[in-house]
PDB file of N, CA and C in Angstrom:
ATOM      1  N   MET A   1       0.679  -1.011   0.014  1.00  0.00           N
ATOM      2  CA  MET A   1       0.389  -0.232  -0.048  1.00  0.00           C
ATOM      3  C   MET A   1       0.524   1.311  -0.120  1.00  0.00           C
ATOM      4  N   ALA A   2       0.962   2.022  -0.815  1.00  0.00           N
ATOM      5  CA  ALA A   2       1.139   3.306  -1.027  1.00  0.00           C
ATOM      6  C   ALA A   2       0.966   4.063   0.524  1.00  0.00           C
ATOM      7  N   THR A   3       2.045   5.032   0.801  1.00  0.00           N
ATOM      8  CA  THR A   3       1.942   6.308   2.025  1.00  0.00           C
ATOM      9  C   THR A   3       1.504   7.341   1.355  1.00  0.00           C
ATOM     10  N   ARG A   4       0.522   7.883   1.904  1.00  0.00           N
ATOM     11  CA  ARG A   4       0.598   9.537   1.922  1.00  0.00           C
ATOM     12  C   ARG A   4       0.682  10.277   2.929  1.00  0.00           C
ATOM     13  N   GLN A   5       2.226  11.139   2.288  1.00  0.00           N
ATOM     14  CA  GLN A   5       1.898  12.286   3.403  1.00  0.00           C
ATOM     15  C   GLN A   5       1.671  13.558   3.522  1.00  0.00           C
ATOM     16  N   ASN A   6       1.413  14.547   4.662  1.00  0.00           N
ATOM     17  CA  ASN A   6       1.101  15.380   4.580  1.00  0.00           C
ATOM     18  C   ASN A   6       2.130  16.730   4.265  1.00  0.00           C
ATOM     19  N   SER A   7       1.795  17.843   3.407  1.00  0.00           N
ATOM     20  CA  SER A   7       3.427  18.769   3.717  1.00  0.00           C
ATOM     21  C   SER A   7       3.298  19.352   4.382  1.00  0.00           C
ATOM     22  N   THR A   8       3.892  20.800   4.935  1.00  0.00           N
ATOM     23  CA  THR A   8       4.039  21.541   5.778  1.00  0.00           C
ATOM     24  C   THR A   8       2.575  22.671   5.630  1.00  0.00           C
ATOM     25  N   ASN A   9       2.204  22.686   4.173  1.00  0.00           N
ATOM     26  CA  ASN A   9       0.901  23.607   4.312  1.00  0.00           C
ATOM     27  C   ASN A   9      -0.555  22.775   4.259  1.00  0.00           C
ATOM     28  N   GLY A  10      -0.345  21.604   4.813  1.00  0.00           N
ATOM     29  CA  GLY A  10      -1.214  20.526   5.054  1.00  0.00           C
ATOM     30  C   GLY A  10      -2.494  20.056   3.675  1.00  0.00           C
ATOM     31  N   LYS A  11      -1.700  20.349   2.474  1.00  0.00           N
ATOM     32  CA  LYS A  11      -1.992  20.038   1.410  1.00  0.00           C
ATOM     33  C   LYS A  11      -1.487  18.436   1.367  1.00  0.00           C
ATOM     34  N   PRO A  12      -2.154  17.317   0.697  1.00  0.00           N
ATOM     35  CA  PRO A  12      -1.366  15.945   0.777  1.00  0.00           C
ATOM     36  C   PRO A  12      -0.653  15.606  -0.358  1.00  0.00           C
ATOM     37  N   LYS A  13       0.861  15.036  -0.138  1.00  0.00           N
ATOM     38  CA  LYS A  13       1.190  15.045  -0.807  1.00  0.00           C
ATOM     39  C   LYS A  13       1.302  13.801  -2.038  1.00  0.00           C
ATOM     40  N   SER A  14       2.503  13.240  -3.099  1.00  0.00           N
ATOM     41  CA  SER A  14       1.951  12.236  -3.854  1.00  0.00           C
ATOM     42  C   SER A  14       2.181  11.313  -2.928  1.00  0.00           C
ATOM     43  N   PRO A  15       1.239  10.353  -3.231  1.00  0.00           N
ATOM     44  CA  PRO A  15       1.827   8.440  -2.935  1.00  0.00           C
ATOM     45  C   PRO A  15       3.518   8.395  -2.982  1.00  0.00           C
ATOM     46  N   ARG A  16       3.570   7.914  -1.903  1.00  0.00           N
ATOM     47  CA  ARG A  16       5.007   7.196  -2.274  1.00  0.00           C
ATOM     48  C   ARG A  16       5.308   5.653  -2.047  1.00  0.00           C
ATOM     49  N   ILE A  17       5.950   5.089  -2.707  1.00  0.00           N
ATOM     50  CA  ILE A  17       5.930   3.355  -2.803  1.00  0.00           C
ATOM     51  C   ILE A  17       7.620   3.197  -2.781  1.00  0.00           C
ATOM     52  N   GLN A  18       7.857   1.866  -2.397  1.00  0.00           N
ATOM     53  CA  GLN A  18      10.020   1.976  -1.803  1.00  0.00           C
ATOM     54  C   GLN A  18       9.378   0.453  -2.833  1.00  0.00           C
ATOM     55  N   VAL A  19      10.792   0.361  -4.123  1.00  0.00           N
ATOM     56  CA  VAL A  19      10.802  -0.436  -4.870  1.00  0.00           C
ATOM     57  C   VAL A  19      12.127  -1.844  -4.659  1.00  0.00           C
ATOM     58  N   VAL A  20      12.651  -2.143  -5.059  1.00  0.00           N
ATOM     59  CA  VAL A  20      13.960  -3.024  -4.526  1.00  0.00           C
ATOM     60  C   VAL A  20      14.200  -3.305  -5.869  1.00  0.00           C
ATOM     61  N   LEU A  21      15.017  -2.788  -6.574  1.00  0.00           N
ATOM     62  CA  LEU A  21      15.700  -3.362  -8.504  1.00  0.00           C
ATOM     63  C   LEU A  21      16.942  -3.783  -8.162  1.00  0.00           C
ATOM     64  N   PRO A  22      17.180  -4.661  -8.967  1.00  0.00           N
ATOM     65  CA  PRO A  22      18.380  -5.842  -9.311  1.00  0.00           C
ATOM     66  C   PRO A  22      19.559  -4.326  -9.312  1.00  0.00           C
ATOM     67  N   GLU A  23      21.121  -4.750  -8.880  1.00  0.00           N
ATOM     68  CA  GLU A  23      21.721  -3.544  -9.583  1.00  0.00           C
ATOM     69  C   GLU A  23      21.320  -3.468 -11.014  1.00  0.00           C
ATOM     70  N   LEU A  24      21.487  -4.249 -12.044  1.00  0.00           N
ATOM     71  CA  LEU A  24      21.829  -4.103 -13.791  1.00  0.00           C
ATOM     72  C   LEU A  24      20.451  -3.196 -13.786  1.00  0.00           C
ATOM     73  N   ILE A  25      19.344  -3.414 -13.098  1.00  0.00           N
ATOM     74  CA  ILE A  25      18.141  -2.828 -13.498  1.00  0.00           C
ATOM     75  C   ILE A  25      18.643  -1.025 -13.198  1.00  0.00           C
ATOM     76  N   CYS A  26      18.938  -0.758 -11.843  1.00  0.00           N
ATOM     77  CA  CYS A  26      18.961   0.547 -11.125  1.00  0.00           C
ATOM     78  C   CYS A  26      20.151   1.183 -12.065  1.00  0.00           C
ATOM     79  N   GLU A  27      20.997   0.058 -12.596  1.00  0.00           N
ATOM     80  CA  GLU A  27      22.039   1.169 -13.868  1.00  0.00           C
ATOM     81  C   GLU A  27      21.577   1.380 -15.032  1.00  0.00           C
ATOM     82  N   GLN A  28      20.592   0.477 -15.547  1.00  0.00           N
ATOM     83  CA  GLN A  28      20.105   0.875 -16.822  1.00  0.00           C
ATOM     84  C   GLN A  28      19.242   1.794 -16.310  1.00  0.00           C
ATOM     85  N   LEU A  29      18.052   2.605 -15.270  1.00  0.00           N
ATOM     86  CA  LEU A  29      17.582   3.517 -15.170  1.00  0.00           C
ATOM     87  C   LEU A  29      18.057   4.657 -15.017  1.00  0.00           C
ATOM     88  N   THR A  30      19.174   4.023 -14.384  1.00  0.00           N
ATOM     89  CA  THR A  30      20.072   5.441 -14.331  1.00  0.00           C
ATOM     90  C   THR A  30      20.891   6.269 -15.423  1.00  0.00           C
ATOM     91  N   ILE A  31      21.324   5.349 -16.247  1.00  0.00           N
ATOM     92  CA  ILE A  31      21.726   5.525 -17.838  1.00  0.00           C
ATOM     93  C   ILE A  31      20.781   6.467 -18.376  1.00  0.00           C
ATOM     94  N   LEU A  32      19.259   5.837 -19.085  1.00  0.00           N
ATOM     95  CA  LEU A  32      18.125   6.132 -19.283  1.00  0.00           C
ATOM     96  C   LEU A  32      17.267   7.457 -18.766  1.00  0.00           C
ATOM     97  N   ALA A  33      17.868   8.110 -17.433  1.00  0.00           N
ATOM     98  CA  ALA A  33      17.424   9.205 -17.008  1.00  0.00           C
ATOM     99  C   ALA A  33      17.992   9.836 -17.254  1.00  0.00           C
ATOM    100  N   ARG A  34      19.831   9.949 -17.029  1.00  0.00           N
ATOM    101  CA  ARG A  34      20.973  10.652 -17.475  1.00  0.00           C
ATOM    102  C   ARG A  34      20.603  11.135 -19.295  1.00  0.00           C
ATOM    103  N   ASN A  35      20.113  10.200 -19.762  1.00  0.00           N
ATOM    104  CA  ASN A  35      19.906  10.637 -21.180  1.00  0.00           C
ATOM    105  C   ASN A  35      19.174  11.366 -21.142  1.00  0.00           C
ATOM    106  N   GLU A  36      17.762  11.343 -20.532  1.00  0.00           N
ATOM    107  CA  GLU A  36      16.632  12.282 -20.885  1.00  0.00           C
ATOM    108  C   GLU A  36      16.658  13.188 -19.493  1.00  0.00           C
ATOM    109  N   SER A  37      17.739  13.311 -19.182  1.00  0.00           N
ATOM    110  CA  SER A  37      17.952  14.727 -18.593  1.00  0.00           C
ATOM    111  C   SER A  37      16.888  14.813 -17.130  1.00  0.00           C
ATOM    112  N   ARG A  38      16.992  13.479 -16.645  1.00  0.00           N
ATOM    113  CA  ARG A  38      15.716  13.372 -14.949  1.00  0.00           C
ATOM    114  C   ARG A  38      16.421  13.213 -14.160  1.00  0.00           C
ATOM    115  N   THR A  39      15.610  12.846 -13.648  1.00  0.00           N
ATOM    116  CA  THR A  39      16.017  12.214 -12.214  1.00  0.00           C
ATOM    117  C   THR A  39      15.657  10.323 -12.394  1.00  0.00           C
ATOM    118  N   VAL A  40      16.062  10.132 -11.552  1.00  0.00           N
ATOM    119  CA  VAL A  40      16.201   8.648 -11.349  1.00  0.00           C
ATOM    120  C   VAL A  40      14.992   7.908 -11.044  1.00  0.00           C
ATOM    121  N   SER A  41      13.905   8.796  -9.943  1.00  0.00           N
ATOM    122  CA  SER A  41      13.019   8.738  -9.494  1.00  0.00           C
ATOM    123  C   SER A  41      11.781   8.976 -10.380  1.00  0.00           C
ATOM    124  N   ASN A  42      12.042  10.312 -11.227  1.00  0.00           N
ATOM    125  CA  ASN A  42      11.366  10.651 -12.680  1.00  0.00           C
ATOM    126  C   ASN A  42      11.237   9.526 -13.540  1.00  0.00           C
ATOM    127  N   MET A  43      12.350   8.888 -13.870  1.00  0.00           N
ATOM    128  CA  MET A  43      12.566   8.519 -14.895  1.00  0.00           C
ATOM    129  C   MET A  43      11.570   7.018 -14.625  1.00  0.00           C
ATOM    130  N   ALA A  44      11.841   6.903 -13.127  1.00  0.00           N
ATOM    131  CA  ALA A  44      11.096   5.431 -12.846  1.00  0.00           C
ATOM    132  C   ALA A  44       9.444   5.735 -12.857  1.00  0.00           C
ATOM    133  N   LYS A  45       9.065   6.742 -12.700  1.00  0.00           N
ATOM    134  CA  LYS A  45       7.597   7.557 -12.752  1.00  0.00           C
ATOM    135  C   LYS A  45       6.915   7.251 -14.099  1.00  0.00           C
ATOM    136  N   VAL A  46       7.700   7.729 -15.007  1.00  0.00           N
ATOM    137  CA  VAL A  46       7.546   7.847 -16.360  1.00  0.00           C
ATOM    138  C   VAL A  46       7.588   6.108 -17.125  1.00  0.00           C
ATOM    139  N   LEU A  47       8.529   5.442 -16.868  1.00  0.00           N
ATOM    140  CA  LEU A  47       8.410   4.029 -17.395  1.00  0.00           C
ATOM    141  C   LEU A  47       7.490   3.416 -16.618  1.00  0.00           C
ATOM    142  N   ILE A  48       7.043   3.615 -15.461  1.00  0.00           N
ATOM    143  CA  ILE A  48       5.834   3.090 -14.856  1.00  0.00           C
ATOM    144  C   ILE A  48       4.451   3.106 -15.640  1.00  0.00           C
ATOM    145  N   GLN A  49       4.325   4.521 -15.516  1.00  0.00           N
ATOM    146  CA  GLN A  49       3.116   5.327 -16.518  1.00  0.00           C
ATOM    147  C   GLN A  49       2.978   4.696 -17.674  1.00  0.00           C
ATOM    148  N   GLU A  50       3.865   4.244 -18.623  1.00  0.00           N
ATOM    149  CA  GLU A  50       4.218   4.004 -19.455  1.00  0.00           C
ATOM    150  C   GLU A  50       3.677   2.455 -19.779  1.00  0.00           C
ATOM    151  N   GLY A  51       4.402   1.695 -19.291  1.00  0.00           N
ATOM    152  CA  GLY A  51       3.652   0.311 -18.803  1.00  0.00           C
ATOM    153  C   GLY A  51       2.724  -0.054 -18.268  1.00  0.00           C
ATOM    154  N   ILE A  52       1.708   0.788 -17.474  1.00  0.00           N
ATOM    155  CA  ILE A  52       0.368   0.768 -16.700  1.00  0.00           C
ATOM    156  C   ILE A  52      -0.177   1.057 -18.274  1.00  0.00           C
ATOM    157  N   LYS A  53      -0.112   2.095 -18.870  1.00  0.00           N
ATOM    158  CA  LYS A  53      -0.939   2.710 -20.059  1.00  0.00           C
ATOM    159  C   LYS A  53      -1.181   1.409 -20.765  1.00  0.00           C
ATOM    160  N   LYS A  54       0.492   1.031 -21.344  1.00  0.00           N
ATOM    161  CA  LYS A  54       0.757  -0.171 -22.614  1.00  0.00           C
ATOM    162  C   LYS A  54      -0.188  -1.428 -22.255  1.00  0.00           C
ATOM    163  N   TYR A  55      -0.121  -2.057 -20.756  1.00  0.00           N
ATOM    164  CA  TYR A  55      -0.783  -3.016 -19.991  1.00  0.00           C
ATOM    165  C   TYR A  55      -2.433  -2.873 -20.206  1.00  0.00           C
ATOM    166  N   PHE A  56      -3.051  -1.688 -19.643  1.00  0.00           N
ATOM    167  CA  PHE A  56      -4.377  -1.134 -20.116  1.00  0.00           C
ATOM    168  C   PHE A  56      -5.009  -1.381 -21.659  1.00  0.00           C
ATOM    169  N   GLU A  57      -4.404  -0.810 -22.568  1.00  0.00           N
ATOM    170  CA  GLU A  57      -4.122  -1.052 -23.503  1.00  0.00           C
ATOM    171  C   GLU A  57      -4.323  -2.039 -24.408  1.00  0.00           C
ATOM    172  N   GLN A  58      -3.741  -3.105 -23.988  1.00  0.00           N
ATOM    173  CA  GLN A  58      -3.578  -4.772 -24.531  1.00  0.00           C
ATOM    174  C   GLN A  58      -4.617  -5.242 -23.222  1.00  0.00           C
ATOM    175  N   GLU A  59      -4.988  -4.998 -22.739  1.00  0.00           N
ATOM    176  CA  GLU A  59      -5.972  -5.915 -22.190  1.00  0.00           C
ATOM    177  C   GLU A  59      -7.866  -5.109 -22.353  1.00  0.00           C
ATOM    178  N   GLY A  60      -7.546  -3.654 -23.050  1.00  0.00           N
ATOM    179  CA  GLY A  60      -8.758  -3.242 -23.983  1.00  0.00           C
ATOM    180  C   GLY A  60      -9.535  -2.791 -22.499  1.00  0.00           C
ATOM    181  N   LYS A  61      -8.990  -2.279 -21.299  1.00  0.00           N
ATOM    182  CA  LYS A  61      -9.956  -1.907 -20.026  1.00  0.00           C
ATOM    183  C   LYS A  61      -9.339  -0.238 -19.928  1.00  0.00           C
ATOM    184  N   SER A  62     -10.082   0.337 -19.140  1.00  0.00           N
ATOM    185  CA  SER A  62     -10.530   1.856 -19.309  1.00  0.00           C
ATOM    186  C   SER A  62      -8.983   1.597 -18.321  1.00  0.00           C
ATOM    187  N   PHE A  63      -8.047   3.211 -18.784  1.00  0.00           N
ATOM    188  CA  PHE A  63      -7.102   3.432 -17.853  1.00  0.00           C
ATOM    189  C   PHE A  63      -7.147   3.894 -16.775  1.00  0.00           C
ATOM    190  N   VAL A  64      -8.015   4.848 -16.484  1.00  0.00           N
ATOM    191  CA  VAL A  64      -8.410   5.203 -15.159  1.00  0.00           C
ATOM    192  C   VAL A  64      -9.901   5.034 -14.598  1.00  0.00           C
ATOM    193  N   SER A  65     -10.190   4.645 -13.898  1.00  0.00           N
ATOM    194  CA  SER A  65     -11.534   4.309 -13.190  1.00  0.00           C
ATOM    195  C   SER A  65     -12.483   5.700 -12.640  1.00  0.00           C
ATOM    196  N   GLU A  66     -14.041   5.848 -13.714  1.00  0.00           N
ATOM    197  CA  GLU A  66     -14.652   7.070 -13.221  1.00  0.00           C
ATOM    198  C   GLU A  66     -14.603   7.857 -12.012  1.00  0.00           C
ATOM    199  N   ASN A  67     -14.903   6.353 -10.865  1.00  0.00           N
ATOM    200  CA  ASN A  67     -14.698   7.113  -9.468  1.00  0.00           C
ATOM    201  C   ASN A  67     -13.497   7.933  -9.212  1.00  0.00           C
ATOM    202  N   ASN A  68     -12.307   7.540  -9.467  1.00  0.00           N
ATOM    203  CA  ASN A  68     -10.867   7.453  -9.363  1.00  0.00           C
ATOM    204  C   ASN A  68     -11.048   9.455  -9.687  1.00  0.00           C
ATOM    205  N   LEU A  69     -11.580   9.806 -10.922  1.00  0.00           N
ATOM    206  CA  LEU A  69     -11.341  10.540 -12.431  1.00  0.00           C
ATOM    207  C   LEU A  69     -11.900  11.246 -11.308  1.00  0.00           C
ATOM    208  N   ASN A  70     -13.224  11.244 -11.322  1.00  0.00           N
ATOM    209  CA  ASN A  70     -14.247  11.995 -10.316  1.00  0.00           C
ATOM    210  C   ASN A  70     -14.196  12.535  -9.067  1.00  0.00           C
ATOM    211  N   THR A  71     -13.125  12.108  -8.199  1.00  0.00           N
ATOM    212  CA  THR A  71     -12.940  12.200  -6.839  1.00  0.00           C
ATOM    213  C   THR A  71     -11.336  13.262  -6.787  1.00  0.00           C
ATOM    214  N   ASP A  72     -10.837  12.927  -7.798  1.00  0.00           N
ATOM    215  CA  ASP A  72      -9.281  13.652  -8.105  1.00  0.00           C
ATOM    216  C   ASP A  72     -10.114  15.201  -8.672  1.00  0.00           C
ATOM    217  N   LYS A  73     -10.988  15.343  -9.372  1.00  0.00           N
ATOM    218  CA  LYS A  73     -11.548  16.137  -9.787  1.00  0.00           C
ATOM    219  C   LYS A  73     -11.984  17.337  -9.438  1.00  0.00           C
ATOM    220  N   PHE A  74     -12.670  16.438  -8.032  1.00  0.00           N
ATOM    221  CA  PHE A  74     -13.654  17.272  -7.394  1.00  0.00           C
ATOM    222  C   PHE A  74     -12.680  17.479  -6.158  1.00  0.00           C
ATOM    223  N   ARG A  75     -11.325  17.012  -5.941  1.00  0.00           N
ATOM    224  CA  ARG A  75     -10.584  17.288  -5.010  1.00  0.00           C
ATOM    225  C   ARG A  75      -9.740  18.601  -5.051  1.00  0.00           C
ATOM    226  N   ASP A  76      -9.868  18.810  -6.843  1.00  0.00           N
ATOM    227  CA  ASP A  76      -8.713  20.338  -7.735  1.00  0.00           C
ATOM    228  C   ASP A  76     -10.031  20.992  -7.271  1.00  0.00           C
ATOM    229  N   GLU A  77     -11.152  20.833  -7.623  1.00  0.00           N
ATOM    230  CA  GLU A  77     -11.507  22.127  -7.847  1.00  0.00           C
ATOM    231  C   GLU A  77     -11.423  22.714  -6.322  1.00  0.00           C
ATOM    232  N   LEU A  78     -11.412  21.999  -5.109  1.00  0.00           N
ATOM    233  CA  LEU A  78     -11.939  22.505  -3.444  1.00  0.00           C
ATOM    234  C   LEU A  78     -10.653  22.950  -3.688  1.00  0.00           C
ATOM    235  N   GLU A  79      -9.800  22.419  -3.706  1.00  0.00           N
ATOM    236  CA  GLU A  79      -8.198  23.280  -3.690  1.00  0.00           C
ATOM    237  C   GLU A  79      -8.237  24.658  -4.595  1.00  0.00           C
ATOM    238  N   LYS A  80      -8.630  24.727  -5.401  1.00  0.00           N
ATOM    239  CA  LYS A  80      -8.545  25.929  -5.782  1.00  0.00           C
ATOM    240  C   LYS A  80      -9.739  27.123  -5.467  1.00  0.00           C
ATOM    241  N   GLN A  81     -10.370  26.941  -4.985  1.00  0.00           N
ATOM    242  CA  GLN A  81     -11.407  28.024  -3.883  1.00  0.00           C
ATOM    243  C   GLN A  81     -10.807  28.729  -3.095  1.00  0.00           C
ATOM    244  N   SER A  82     -11.099  29.630  -3.312  1.00  0.00           N
ATOM    245  CA  SER A  82     -10.423  30.830  -2.458  1.00  0.00           C
ATOM    246  C   SER A  82     -11.011  30.393  -0.769  1.00  0.00           C
ATOM    247  N   VAL A  83     -10.015  30.793   0.423  1.00  0.00           N
ATOM    248  CA  VAL A  83     -11.034  29.998   1.758  1.00  0.00           C
ATOM    249  C   VAL A  83     -10.980  31.783   2.090  1.00  0.00           C
ATOM    250  N   ARG A  84     -11.951  31.122   2.772  1.00  0.00           N
ATOM    251  CA  ARG A  84     -13.170  32.655   3.544  1.00  0.00           C
ATOM    252  C   ARG A  84     -13.703  32.870   4.648  1.00  0.00           C
ATOM    253  N   ARG A  85     -13.423  33.543   5.692  1.00  0.00           N
ATOM    254  CA  ARG A  85     -13.467  33.253   6.948  1.00  0.00           C
ATOM    255  C   ARG A  85     -14.958  33.285   7.419  1.00  0.00           C
ATOM    256  N   LEU A  86     -15.638  33.008   8.175  1.00  0.00           N
ATOM    257  CA  LEU A  86     -16.899  32.447   8.682  1.00  0.00           C
ATOM    258  C   LEU A  86     -17.014  33.581   9.807  1.00  0.00           C
ATOM    259  N   LYS A  87     -18.635  33.965   9.396  1.00  0.00           N
ATOM    260  CA  LYS A  87     -18.898  34.854  10.231  1.00  0.00           C
ATOM    261  C   LYS A  87     -19.982  34.614  11.662  1.00  0.00           C
ATOM    262  N   ARG A  88     -20.536  33.307  11.113  1.00  0.00           N
ATOM    263  CA  ARG A  88     -20.977  32.534  12.050  1.00  0.00           C
ATOM    264  C   ARG A  88     -21.281  31.061  11.234  1.00  0.00           C
ATOM    265  N   ALA A  89     -21.349  30.205  12.401  1.00  0.00           N
ATOM    266  CA  ALA A  89     -21.967  29.013  11.792  1.00  0.00           C
ATOM    267  C   ALA A  89     -22.504  28.754  10.720  1.00  0.00           C
ATOM    268  N   PRO A  90     -22.229  27.626   9.555  1.00  0.00           N
ATOM    269  CA  PRO A  90     -22.811  27.702   7.576  1.00  0.00           C
ATOM    270  C   PRO A  90     -24.327  27.353   8.413  1.00  0.00           C
ATOM    271  N   GLN A  91     -25.227  27.513   7.904  1.00  0.00           N
ATOM    272  CA  GLN A  91     -26.371  26.950   7.666  1.00  0.00           C
ATOM    273  C   GLN A  91     -26.199  26.292   6.744  1.00  0.00           C
ATOM    274  N   ARG A  92     -25.869  26.333   5.347  1.00  0.00           N
ATOM    275  CA  ARG A  92     -25.738  25.054   4.742  1.00  0.00           C
ATOM    276  C   ARG A  92     -24.701  25.426   3.953  1.00  0.00           C
ATOM    277  N   ILE A  93     -24.339  24.381   3.385  1.00  0.00           N
ATOM    278  CA  ILE A  93     -22.627  24.231   3.076  1.00  0.00           C
ATOM    279  C   ILE A  93     -23.181  24.359   1.257  1.00  0.00           C
ATOM    280  N   ARG A  94     -22.241  25.444   0.393  1.00  0.00           N
ATOM    281  CA  ARG A  94     -22.292  25.713  -0.906  1.00  0.00           C
ATOM    282  C   ARG A  94     -20.732  24.947  -1.790  1.00  0.00           C
ATOM    283  N   TYR A  95     -21.249  24.110  -2.864  1.00  0.00           N
ATOM    284  CA  TYR A  95     -19.934  23.830  -3.511  1.00  0.00           C
ATOM    285  C   TYR A  95     -20.528  24.546  -4.922  1.00  0.00           C
ATOM    286  N   TYR A  96     -19.296  25.633  -4.688  1.00  0.00           N
ATOM    287  CA  TYR A  96     -19.382  26.335  -6.568  1.00  0.00           C
ATOM    288  C   TYR A  96     -19.089  25.348  -7.399  1.00  0.00           C
ATOM    289  N   LYS A  97     -19.802  25.460  -8.438  1.00  0.00           N
ATOM    290  CA  LYS A  97     -19.282  24.468  -9.857  1.00  0.00           C
ATOM    291  C   LYS A  97     -18.657  25.483 -10.679  1.00  0.00           C
ATOM    292  N   LYS A  98     -17.645  25.409 -11.770  1.00  0.00           N
ATOM    293  CA  LYS A  98     -17.143  25.979 -12.495  1.00  0.00           C
ATOM    294  C   LYS A  98     -18.377  25.588 -13.856  1.00  0.00           C
ATOM    295  N   PHE A  99     -18.857  26.746 -14.726  1.00  0.00           N
ATOM    296  CA  PHE A  99     -19.521  26.086 -15.855  1.00  0.00           C
ATOM    297  C   PHE A  99     -18.631  26.781 -16.987  1.00  0.00           C
ATOM    298  N   ASP A 100     -18.413  25.659 -17.479  1.00  0.00           N
ATOM    299  CA  ASP A 100     -17.326  25.779 -19.077  1.00  0.00           C
ATOM    300  C   ASP A 100     -17.642  26.585 -20.549  1.00  0.00           C
TER     301      ASP A 100
END
């Protein structure tokens, strides 16, 4: 299970995982990262993303679940809203939608 931490400003950081690699694969990953001017962890992320996308394309399945997509979109919209101080206890909660 990936672990999720909070940053100093309270926003959640991206989930973290730990992977143990054989020496040869680690060296190859380092070479690829250097060739593309990336960090080793960023190169690993890119390769994992490409592998997952390729896997789902071969299986003919949806790459992203609808539930996860909706949750991420909802969280992003809430984080974009400005913070306002309340004068009293709210009578009802209002969620603002952007209309395109």
